[in-house]
């Protein structure tokens, strides 16, 4: 496999909360290679959005990077000055944000905004930039892109806004495209269309695509490799087949068991994961999942679990994991 375009190493991020620091991300690791689609899954509050916000260094003002690095083509982007980071966003790393309702300025037409998004491109007229924006809207599956360019964001449906967001992210042909829950709040028809669009991009897009979601079906449809997160940590990583057919971490197994797509018979009661996510103001000494795990022993509660190699492609953060 070629060298990673993007590599996260032992990244820990906390948020000031007045009475202490919430350890939102704890020693997280991730790699993304050109031509592959990476999935990041987990419950709400497990650190997914913090991780992807760090990839473009757009963390909240009360966030602190406590340790670790994010390497893009071998350079730690967290050590770059603000101007260099600003130039990195768009041409190198672009992001499709979770809420398509707030992606665009409501008082400027979509066409004017998509032209402005290309301000880094020198020697190209606004007419050419507008034409290119229309072509990308069409590529994203928006009918009558010329009419769409003349409209304001509120005149578009949620699905069209999300497609326009993807087109906007691709305007600078980034090497890394990050999509933070791109199908959240969309109906099933729009969700299917967005998945279809990303699947098409996967076939002709030579950069890396990172998809953040809590929807396991999206991961199964799109991704090559998966990172499972819990309580700010990556607890398992592997190929999609590894994660779905031979999960090794108890949390991964519990997530899959709760996925309605795996139900073979009608049931009036949906399964849940008992217990609560630990308070990350005071992270547990041992395994973060121990209090919710039916396999946990006293060792799990007292000793930090090791990173166990299951195979060349699969790893799990668990005392009980075995190849």
Protein backbone atom coordinates (compact mmCIF):
# COMPACT_ATOMS: atom_id res chain seq x y z
CA UNK A 1 0.00 0.00 0.00
CA UNK A 2 1.23 3.51 -0.83
CA UNK A 3 2.20 6.01 1.85
CA UNK A 4 -0.76 7.54 3.63
CA UNK A 5 -2.04 10.88 2.37
CA UNK A 6 -3.27 11.66 5.87
CA UNK A 7 -2.08 10.13 9.13
CA UNK A 8 -3.27 10.86 12.66
CA UNK A 9 -0.87 9.81 15.41
CA UNK A 10 -1.81 9.52 19.10
CA UNK A 11 -4.05 12.58 18.92
CA UNK A 12 -5.58 13.74 22.23
CA UNK A 13 -7.90 16.74 22.42
CA UNK A 14 -9.74 18.19 25.41
CA UNK A 15 -12.36 20.89 25.91
CA UNK A 16 -12.28 23.32 28.82
CA UNK A 17 -15.48 22.89 30.83
CA UNK A 18 -14.93 25.25 33.76
CA UNK A 19 -14.56 22.47 36.30
CA UNK A 20 -11.98 20.56 34.28
CA UNK A 21 -11.18 19.34 30.79
CA UNK A 22 -13.42 16.94 28.86
CA UNK A 23 -11.11 14.39 27.21
CA UNK A 24 -13.01 14.25 23.92
CA UNK A 25 -10.25 12.48 21.99
CA UNK A 26 -7.69 10.18 23.55
CA UNK A 27 -4.65 8.87 21.66
CA UNK A 28 -6.56 8.40 18.40
CA UNK A 29 -4.81 6.99 15.33
CA UNK A 30 -6.01 6.94 11.72
CA UNK A 31 -4.61 6.54 8.21
CA UNK A 32 -6.18 7.44 4.87
CA UNK A 33 -4.60 6.42 1.56
CA UNK A 34 -5.31 7.71 -1.92
CA UNK A 35 -8.19 5.98 -3.68
CA UNK A 36 -9.81 4.50 -0.57
CA UNK A 37 -12.88 5.37 1.47
CA UNK A 38 -12.54 5.37 5.25
CA UNK A 39 -15.51 5.07 7.60
CA UNK A 40 -15.58 6.40 11.18
CA UNK A 41 -18.47 5.04 13.25
CA UNK A 42 -19.68 5.22 16.83
CA UNK A 43 -22.37 6.62 19.11
CA UNK A 44 -23.03 10.34 19.44
CA UNK A 45 -20.43 11.92 21.70
CA UNK A 46 -17.70 9.38 20.98
CA UNK A 47 -15.32 11.92 19.39
CA UNK A 48 -16.02 11.51 15.67
CA UNK A 49 -16.74 15.18 14.95
CA UNK A 50 -13.82 16.34 17.11
CA UNK A 51 -11.50 14.10 15.12
CA UNK A 52 -12.61 15.38 11.72
CA UNK A 53 -12.66 19.02 12.87
CA UNK A 54 -9.02 18.53 13.86
CA UNK A 55 -8.21 17.29 10.33
CA UNK A 56 -8.80 20.83 9.04
CA UNK A 57 -7.88 22.45 12.38
CA UNK A 58 -11.27 24.10 12.88
CA UNK A 59 -11.66 23.18 16.53
CA UNK A 60 -13.78 25.15 18.99
CA UNK A 61 -12.06 28.01 20.85
CA UNK A 62 -12.11 26.03 24.12
CA UNK A 63 -10.41 22.99 22.54
CA UNK A 64 -6.81 22.08 23.31
CA UNK A 65 -4.57 19.62 21.48
CA UNK A 66 -2.90 17.87 24.39
CA UNK A 67 -0.69 15.53 22.36
CA UNK A 68 -0.24 13.94 18.97
CA UNK A 69 0.08 15.05 15.37
CA UNK A 70 -1.82 15.08 12.07
CA UNK A 71 0.44 14.50 9.09
CA UNK A 72 -0.67 15.51 5.61
CA UNK A 73 1.85 14.29 3.03
CA UNK A 74 4.39 14.03 5.84
CA UNK A 75 3.89 17.53 7.31
CA UNK A 76 2.23 18.04 10.69
CA UNK A 77 -0.61 20.46 9.92
CA UNK A 78 -1.04 21.33 13.61
CA UNK A 79 2.37 23.02 13.57
CA UNK A 80 1.64 25.13 10.48
CA UNK A 81 0.96 28.85 10.84
CA UNK A 82 -2.61 30.02 10.32
CA UNK A 83 -2.01 31.28 6.80
CA UNK A 84 -0.58 27.95 5.68
CA UNK A 85 -3.49 26.11 7.28
CA UNK A 86 -5.96 28.39 5.52
CA UNK A 87 -4.40 27.62 2.13
CA UNK A 88 -4.54 23.90 2.95
CA UNK A 89 -8.33 23.95 3.31
CA UNK A 90 -10.02 23.48 -0.03
CA UNK A 91 -7.19 22.64 -2.42
CA UNK A 92 -5.82 19.85 -0.20
CA UNK A 93 -8.40 18.94 2.46
CA UNK A 94 -12.08 19.80 1.99
CA UNK A 95 -15.05 19.06 4.20
CA UNK A 96 -18.76 18.47 3.71
CA UNK A 97 -20.34 19.59 6.96
CA UNK A 98 -23.14 17.78 8.73
CA UNK A 99 -25.89 20.40 8.35
CA UNK A 100 -26.69 21.34 4.72
CA UNK A 101 -29.03 24.06 6.03
CA UNK A 102 -26.15 26.19 7.30
CA UNK A 103 -23.38 25.42 4.81
CA UNK A 104 -24.11 28.43 2.60
CA UNK A 105 -24.70 32.14 3.21
CA UNK A 106 -28.49 32.64 2.99
CA UNK A 107 -28.36 36.11 1.38
CA UNK A 108 -25.99 35.32 -1.52
CA UNK A 109 -26.95 33.25 -4.53
CA UNK A 110 -25.45 29.79 -4.77
CA UNK A 111 -23.64 30.70 -8.00
CA UNK A 112 -21.87 33.70 -6.47
CA UNK A 113 -20.78 31.60 -3.50
CA UNK A 114 -19.44 28.77 -5.66
CA UNK A 115 -17.46 31.30 -7.70
CA UNK A 116 -16.04 32.80 -4.48
CA UNK A 117 -15.03 29.34 -3.28
CA UNK A 118 -12.58 29.21 -6.21
CA UNK A 119 -10.70 32.36 -5.25
CA UNK A 120 -7.43 30.39 -4.95
CA UNK A 121 -7.47 29.61 -8.68
CA UNK A 122 -5.47 32.24 -10.57
CA UNK A 123 -5.78 33.14 -14.24
CA UNK A 124 -9.39 31.96 -14.58
CA UNK A 125 -12.28 34.35 -15.21
CA UNK A 126 -15.42 34.42 -13.09
CA UNK A 127 -17.39 33.22 -16.10
CA UNK A 128 -15.19 30.14 -16.37
CA UNK A 129 -15.46 29.54 -12.60
CA UNK A 130 -19.24 29.79 -12.84
CA UNK A 131 -19.28 27.34 -15.74
CA UNK A 132 -17.15 24.93 -13.74
CA UNK A 133 -19.49 25.26 -10.76
CA UNK A 134 -22.46 24.42 -12.98
CA UNK A 135 -20.66 21.35 -14.34
CA UNK A 136 -19.96 20.10 -10.81
CA UNK A 137 -23.57 20.67 -9.77
CA UNK A 138 -24.64 18.58 -12.75
CA UNK A 139 -22.06 15.96 -11.77
CA UNK A 140 -23.61 15.96 -8.29
CA UNK A 141 -26.97 15.12 -9.83
CA UNK A 142 -28.72 18.51 -9.57
CA UNK A 143 -31.18 19.05 -12.45
CA UNK A 144 -30.97 22.38 -14.33
CA UNK A 145 -27.73 23.56 -12.67
CA UNK A 146 -27.94 26.98 -14.38
CA UNK A 147 -31.22 27.69 -12.61
CA UNK A 148 -29.76 26.36 -9.36
CA UNK A 149 -26.83 28.81 -9.62
CA UNK A 150 -29.29 31.72 -9.70
CA UNK A 151 -31.16 30.56 -6.62
CA UNK A 152 -30.62 31.33 -2.95
CA UNK A 153 -29.88 28.41 -0.59
CA UNK A 154 -33.34 28.49 1.01
CA UNK A 155 -34.90 27.82 -2.39
CA UNK A 156 -33.26 24.39 -2.53
CA UNK A 157 -34.39 21.21 -0.81
CA UNK A 158 -32.23 19.60 1.87
CA UNK A 159 -31.02 16.93 -0.53
CA UNK A 160 -30.09 19.52 -3.18
CA UNK A 161 -28.23 21.60 -0.59
CA UNK A 162 -26.27 18.54 0.48
CA UNK A 163 -25.41 17.77 -3.15
CA UNK A 164 -24.36 21.40 -3.61
CA UNK A 165 -22.19 21.10 -0.49
CA UNK A 166 -20.40 18.11 -2.00
CA UNK A 167 -19.95 19.99 -5.29
CA UNK A 168 -18.54 22.98 -3.37
CA UNK A 169 -16.05 20.74 -1.56
CA UNK A 170 -14.90 19.25 -4.88
CA UNK A 171 -14.40 22.59 -6.64
CA UNK A 172 -10.74 22.71 -5.63
CA UNK A 173 -10.20 18.97 -6.40
CA UNK A 174 -8.95 18.19 -2.87
CA UNK A 175 -6.71 15.26 -2.09
CA UNK A 176 -8.77 14.44 1.02
CA UNK A 177 -12.56 14.81 1.16
CA UNK A 178 -14.12 14.59 4.64
CA UNK A 179 -17.90 14.08 4.88
CA UNK A 180 -19.28 14.55 8.41
CA UNK A 181 -22.54 12.57 8.59
CA UNK A 182 -23.54 13.55 5.02
CA UNK A 183 -26.91 11.76 5.18
CA UNK A 184 -28.07 12.93 8.63
CA UNK A 185 -31.57 14.54 8.64
CA UNK A 186 -32.25 13.41 5.05
CA UNK A 187 -35.12 11.12 4.15
CA UNK A 188 -34.34 7.64 2.85
CA UNK A 189 -34.70 8.68 -0.79
CA UNK A 190 -32.23 11.55 -0.41
CA UNK A 191 -29.91 9.33 1.64
CA UNK A 192 -29.83 6.78 -1.17
CA UNK A 193 -29.02 9.51 -3.70
CA UNK A 194 -26.15 10.89 -1.60
CA UNK A 195 -24.73 7.38 -1.11
CA UNK A 196 -24.99 6.82 -4.87
CA UNK A 197 -23.16 10.09 -5.53
CA UNK A 198 -20.32 9.24 -3.12
CA UNK A 199 -20.10 5.75 -4.63
CA UNK A 200 -19.68 7.29 -8.07
CA UNK A 201 -17.00 9.66 -6.77
CA UNK A 202 -15.24 6.64 -5.31
CA UNK A 203 -14.70 5.20 -8.79
CA UNK A 204 -13.03 8.25 -10.34
CA UNK A 205 -11.74 10.21 -7.35
CA UNK A 206 -8.05 9.54 -6.73
CA UNK A 207 -7.86 11.17 -3.30
CA UNK A 208 -9.00 9.77 0.03
CA UNK A 209 -12.60 10.04 1.24
CA UNK A 210 -13.37 9.95 4.97
CA UNK A 211 -17.03 9.39 5.87
CA UNK A 212 -18.18 10.01 9.45
CA UNK A 213 -21.50 8.42 10.36
CA UNK A 214 -23.50 6.54 12.97
CA UNK A 215 -25.29 4.65 10.18
CA UNK A 216 -23.66 1.25 9.68
CA UNK A 217 -25.48 0.76 6.39
CA UNK A 218 -23.72 3.77 4.89
CA UNK A 219 -20.36 2.30 5.88
CA UNK A 220 -21.22 -1.08 4.35
CA UNK A 221 -22.24 0.60 1.08
CA UNK A 222 -19.25 2.91 0.71
CA UNK A 223 -16.18 2.13 2.75
CA UNK A 224 -13.04 0.03 2.36
CA UNK A 225 -11.84 0.31 5.97
CA UNK A 226 -13.57 1.25 9.22
CA UNK A 227 -12.49 2.89 12.49
CA UNK A 228 -14.85 2.25 15.43
CA UNK A 229 -14.78 4.94 18.14
CA UNK A 230 -15.98 4.86 21.72
CA UNK A 231 -15.49 7.44 24.51
CA UNK A 232 -12.89 9.36 22.53
CA UNK A 233 -10.82 6.33 21.53
CA UNK A 234 -10.48 4.19 18.43
CA UNK A 235 -11.36 0.77 19.83
CA UNK A 236 -11.24 -1.26 16.62
CA UNK A 237 -10.12 -0.85 13.04
CA UNK A 238 -10.22 -3.13 10.05
CA UNK A 239 -11.57 -3.86 6.60
CA UNK A 240 -15.34 -3.58 6.24
CA UNK A 241 -15.63 -7.39 6.01
CA UNK A 242 -13.52 -7.77 9.17
CA UNK A 243 -15.70 -5.40 11.15
CA UNK A 244 -19.06 -6.73 9.95
CA UNK A 245 -18.35 -10.45 9.86
CA UNK A 246 -15.69 -10.95 12.55
CA UNK A 247 -15.76 -8.02 15.02
CA UNK A 248 -13.39 -8.49 17.96
CA UNK A 249 -14.18 -5.63 20.31
CA UNK A 250 -17.32 -6.08 22.46
CA UNK A 251 -18.45 -2.55 21.61
CA UNK A 252 -18.26 -3.25 17.88
CA UNK A 253 -20.31 -6.41 18.35
CA UNK A 254 -22.86 -4.47 20.41
CA UNK A 255 -23.15 -1.77 17.73
CA UNK A 256 -23.76 -4.34 15.01
CA UNK A 257 -26.30 -6.16 17.18
CA UNK A 258 -28.27 -2.92 17.51
CA UNK A 259 -28.35 -2.27 13.76
CA UNK A 260 -31.94 -2.87 12.49
CA UNK A 261 -30.54 -4.09 9.18
CA UNK A 262 -29.35 -7.24 10.94
CA UNK A 263 -32.76 -8.23 12.31
CA UNK A 264 -34.01 -11.41 10.67
CA UNK A 265 -37.36 -11.51 12.43
CA UNK A 266 -39.98 -8.98 13.46
CA UNK A 267 -39.37 -7.66 16.97
CA UNK A 268 -41.37 -5.15 19.06
CA UNK A 269 -38.31 -4.26 21.15
CA UNK A 270 -35.15 -2.77 19.70
CA UNK A 271 -31.90 -3.91 21.36
CA UNK A 272 -29.80 -1.34 23.19
CA UNK A 273 -26.39 -1.21 24.82
CA UNK A 274 -26.94 -1.23 28.59
CA UNK A 275 -25.32 1.45 30.75
CA UNK A 276 -23.89 4.85 29.89
CA UNK A 277 -20.86 6.33 28.18
CA UNK A 278 -18.30 7.25 30.88
CA UNK A 279 -17.88 10.83 32.04
CA UNK A 280 -14.85 12.05 30.08
CA UNK A 281 -14.12 14.73 32.65
CA UNK A 282 -12.80 11.77 34.61
CA UNK A 283 -11.93 8.99 32.13
CA UNK A 284 -11.86 5.48 33.62
CA UNK A 285 -8.54 3.96 34.61
CA UNK A 286 -8.93 0.80 32.55
CA UNK A 287 -11.15 0.02 29.57
CA UNK A 288 -13.74 2.71 28.85
CA UNK A 289 -16.31 0.08 27.87
CA UNK A 290 -15.82 -2.14 30.93
CA UNK A 291 -18.96 -1.00 32.79
CA UNK A 292 -21.14 -1.90 29.78
CA UNK A 293 -19.33 -5.08 28.74
CA UNK A 294 -20.51 -8.58 29.72
CA UNK A 295 -16.97 -9.89 29.23
CA UNK A 296 -15.26 -7.42 31.58
CA UNK A 297 -13.05 -8.63 34.43
CA UNK A 298 -11.31 -6.77 37.24
CA UNK A 299 -8.28 -6.43 34.97
CA UNK A 300 -10.41 -4.55 32.42
CA UNK A 301 -11.41 -2.00 35.06
CA UNK A 302 -7.92 -1.42 36.41
CA UNK A 303 -5.50 -1.80 33.50
CA UNK A 304 -5.51 0.08 30.20
CA UNK A 305 -6.20 -2.47 27.43
CA UNK A 306 -3.51 -3.19 24.83
CA UNK A 307 -3.81 -2.63 21.11
CA UNK A 308 -4.12 -6.24 19.90
CA UNK A 309 -3.23 -7.23 16.34
CA UNK A 310 -5.90 -9.60 15.06
CA UNK A 311 -4.54 -9.79 11.51
CA UNK A 312 -2.60 -7.63 9.07
CA UNK A 313 -5.71 -5.49 8.58
CA UNK A 314 -7.56 -5.68 11.90
CA UNK A 315 -6.73 -4.39 15.41
CA UNK A 316 -8.74 -4.09 18.63
CA UNK A 317 -8.20 -2.24 21.91
CA UNK A 318 -9.24 -5.03 24.26
CA UNK A 319 -7.75 -7.39 26.86
CA UNK A 320 -9.94 -10.24 25.61
CA UNK A 321 -9.36 -9.84 21.87
CA UNK A 322 -7.78 -12.83 20.16
CA UNK A 323 -6.68 -13.46 16.56
